[in-house]
Amino acid sequence: MLFYHSGKDKAVVGIAEVVKAAYPDPTADDPQWVAVDLKPIKAFDAPVQLAAIRYDKRLSQLPLIRQSQLSVMPLTKDEFEAIVTMGKNKKGRK
């Protein structure tokens, strides 16, 4: 899975792995909110900024473009690989 900072930075910063399945979010009052525990796998050489994702035609259908505060969303294998490549090649900076 890719790890995305949805705050001020709005950038994919690396690859992570879920190490604990969903459980009630201890920081939320709504019982429908859940959390998972993540383990970082690999940080990108350069964060892949949301602006760079927006301008890449391979990623034009990502829900992230319309809703930059998404916590979770599916990616195709091609979309995943495109973002990983951008992070490796330092093209993610904007």
C-alpha atoms as a PDB file:
ATOM      1  CA  MET A   1       0.000   0.000   0.000  1.00  0.00           C
ATOM      2  CA  LEU A   2       1.068   3.590  -0.524  1.00  0.00           C
ATOM      3  CA  PHE A   3       1.302   6.019   2.389  1.00  0.00           C
ATOM      4  CA  TYR A   4      -0.182   9.465   1.666  1.00  0.00           C
ATOM      5  CA  HIS A   5       0.117  12.571   3.839  1.00  0.00           C
ATOM      6  CA  SER A   6      -3.286  14.228   3.532  1.00  0.00           C
ATOM      7  CA  GLY A   7      -2.450  17.256   5.677  1.00  0.00           C
ATOM      8  CA  LYS A   8      -0.465  20.296   4.582  1.00  0.00           C
ATOM      9  CA  ASP A   9       1.980  18.322   2.382  1.00  0.00           C
ATOM     10  CA  LYS A  10      -0.537  16.305   0.299  1.00  0.00           C
ATOM     11  CA  ALA A  11       1.998  13.807  -1.032  1.00  0.00           C
ATOM     12  CA  VAL A  12       2.600  10.078  -1.310  1.00  0.00           C
ATOM     13  CA  VAL A  13       5.729   9.491   0.746  1.00  0.00           C
ATOM     14  CA  GLY A  14       6.335   5.758   0.554  1.00  0.00           C
ATOM     15  CA  ILE A  15       5.150   2.185   0.807  1.00  0.00           C
ATOM     16  CA  ALA A  16       3.639   0.717   3.981  1.00  0.00           C
ATOM     17  CA  GLU A  17       2.162  -2.582   5.117  1.00  0.00           C
ATOM     18  CA  VAL A  18      -0.918  -3.166   7.282  1.00  0.00           C
ATOM     19  CA  VAL A  19       0.233  -5.091  10.356  1.00  0.00           C
ATOM     20  CA  LYS A  20      -2.984  -5.028  12.389  1.00  0.00           C
ATOM     21  CA  ALA A  21      -6.457  -5.351  10.915  1.00  0.00           C
ATOM     22  CA  ALA A  22      -9.177  -2.745  11.410  1.00  0.00           C
ATOM     23  CA  TYR A  23     -10.274  -1.960  14.969  1.00  0.00           C
ATOM     24  CA  PRO A  24     -12.401   0.855  16.477  1.00  0.00           C
ATOM     25  CA  ASP A  25     -10.559   4.173  16.137  1.00  0.00           C
ATOM     26  CA  PRO A  26      -9.642   5.224  19.704  1.00  0.00           C
ATOM     27  CA  THR A  27      -9.550   8.901  18.668  1.00  0.00           C
ATOM     28  CA  ALA A  28     -13.109   9.015  17.269  1.00  0.00           C
ATOM     29  CA  ASP A  29     -16.481   9.172  18.988  1.00  0.00           C
ATOM     30  CA  ASP A  30     -18.240   7.502  16.042  1.00  0.00           C
ATOM     31  CA  PRO A  31     -18.075   3.686  16.312  1.00  0.00           C
ATOM     32  CA  GLN A  32     -18.118   3.436  12.506  1.00  0.00           C
ATOM     33  CA  TRP A  33     -14.619   4.929  12.343  1.00  0.00           C
ATOM     34  CA  VAL A  34     -11.850   2.338  12.312  1.00  0.00           C
ATOM     35  CA  ALA A  35      -8.059   2.391  12.376  1.00  0.00           C
ATOM     36  CA  VAL A  36      -5.333   0.029  11.207  1.00  0.00           C
ATOM     37  CA  ASP A  37      -1.715  -0.231  12.289  1.00  0.00           C
ATOM     38  CA  LEU A  38       0.899   0.297   9.595  1.00  0.00           C
ATOM     39  CA  LYS A  39       4.573  -0.563   9.248  1.00  0.00           C
ATOM     40  CA  PRO A  40       6.715   1.538   6.916  1.00  0.00           C
ATOM     41  CA  ILE A  41       8.371  -0.535   4.198  1.00  0.00           C
ATOM     42  CA  LYS A  42      10.197   2.014   2.037  1.00  0.00           C
ATOM     43  CA  ALA A  43      10.295   5.800   1.915  1.00  0.00           C
ATOM     44  CA  PHE A  44      10.351   7.419  -1.516  1.00  0.00           C
ATOM     45  CA  ASP A  45      13.433   9.345  -2.634  1.00  0.00           C
ATOM     46  CA  ALA A  46      11.090  12.289  -3.199  1.00  0.00           C
ATOM     47  CA  PRO A  47       7.482  12.744  -2.073  1.00  0.00           C
ATOM     48  CA  VAL A  48       5.004  12.461  -4.953  1.00  0.00           C
ATOM     49  CA  GLN A  49       3.005  15.644  -4.601  1.00  0.00           C
ATOM     50  CA  LEU A  50      -0.729  15.735  -5.307  1.00  0.00           C
ATOM     51  CA  ALA A  51      -0.018  18.379  -7.960  1.00  0.00           C
ATOM     52  CA  ALA A  52       2.237  15.930  -9.835  1.00  0.00           C
ATOM     53  CA  ILE A  53      -0.418  13.214  -9.588  1.00  0.00           C
ATOM     54  CA  ARG A  54      -3.039  15.591 -11.015  1.00  0.00           C
ATOM     55  CA  TYR A  55      -0.938  16.284 -14.123  1.00  0.00           C
ATOM     56  CA  ASP A  56      -0.034  12.673 -14.883  1.00  0.00           C
ATOM     57  CA  LYS A  57      -2.460  11.253 -17.471  1.00  0.00           C
ATOM     58  CA  ARG A  58      -1.934   7.712 -16.148  1.00  0.00           C
ATOM     59  CA  LEU A  59      -3.462   8.838 -12.840  1.00  0.00           C
ATOM     60  CA  SER A  60      -6.315  10.999 -14.145  1.00  0.00           C
ATOM     61  CA  GLN A  61      -9.048   8.716 -12.771  1.00  0.00           C
ATOM     62  CA  LEU A  62      -7.844   8.535  -9.170  1.00  0.00           C
ATOM     63  CA  PRO A  63     -10.505   9.531  -6.627  1.00  0.00           C
ATOM     64  CA  LEU A  64      -7.695  11.350  -4.799  1.00  0.00           C
ATOM     65  CA  ILE A  65      -7.765  14.071  -7.449  1.00  0.00           C
ATOM     66  CA  ARG A  66     -11.355  14.956  -6.570  1.00  0.00           C
ATOM     67  CA  GLN A  67     -11.054  14.260  -2.806  1.00  0.00           C
ATOM     68  CA  SER A  68      -7.539  14.953  -1.549  1.00  0.00           C
ATOM     69  CA  GLN A  69      -8.444  14.063   2.055  1.00  0.00           C
ATOM     70  CA  LEU A  70      -9.257  10.410   1.308  1.00  0.00           C
ATOM     71  CA  SER A  71      -7.927   7.944   3.853  1.00  0.00           C
ATOM     72  CA  VAL A  72      -8.237   4.806   1.739  1.00  0.00           C
ATOM     73  CA  MET A  73      -8.812   4.177  -1.964  1.00  0.00           C
ATOM     74  CA  PRO A  74      -8.127   1.409  -4.436  1.00  0.00           C
ATOM     75  CA  LEU A  75      -5.402   1.630  -7.079  1.00  0.00           C
ATOM     76  CA  THR A  76      -4.808  -0.457 -10.148  1.00  0.00           C
ATOM     77  CA  LYS A  77      -1.425  -2.159 -10.466  1.00  0.00           C
ATOM     78  CA  ASP A  78      -0.485   0.358 -13.189  1.00  0.00           C
ATOM     79  CA  GLU A  79      -1.450   3.347 -10.994  1.00  0.00           C
ATOM     80  CA  PHE A  80       0.530   1.932  -8.058  1.00  0.00           C
ATOM     81  CA  GLU A  81       3.594   1.364 -10.230  1.00  0.00           C
ATOM     82  CA  ALA A  82       3.328   4.836 -11.804  1.00  0.00           C
ATOM     83  CA  ILE A  83       3.372   6.517  -8.383  1.00  0.00           C
ATOM     84  CA  VAL A  84       6.228   4.315  -7.118  1.00  0.00           C
ATOM     85  CA  THR A  85       8.243   5.194 -10.240  1.00  0.00           C
ATOM     86  CA  MET A  86       7.584   8.899  -9.705  1.00  0.00           C
ATOM     87  CA  GLY A  87       8.855   8.570  -6.114  1.00  0.00           C
ATOM     88  CA  LYS A  88      12.019   6.765  -7.238  1.00  0.00           C
ATOM     89  CA  ASN A  89      12.852   9.159 -10.058  1.00  0.00           C
ATOM     90  CA  LYS A  90      12.426  12.310  -7.997  1.00  0.00           C
ATOM     91  CA  LYS A  91       9.727  13.456 -10.442  1.00  0.00           C
ATOM     92  CA  GLY A  92       7.215  13.741  -7.629  1.00  0.00           C
ATOM     93  CA  ARG A  93       8.433  17.164  -6.545  1.00  0.00           C
ATOM     94  CA  LYS A  94       6.355  20.165  -7.476  1.00  0.00           C
END
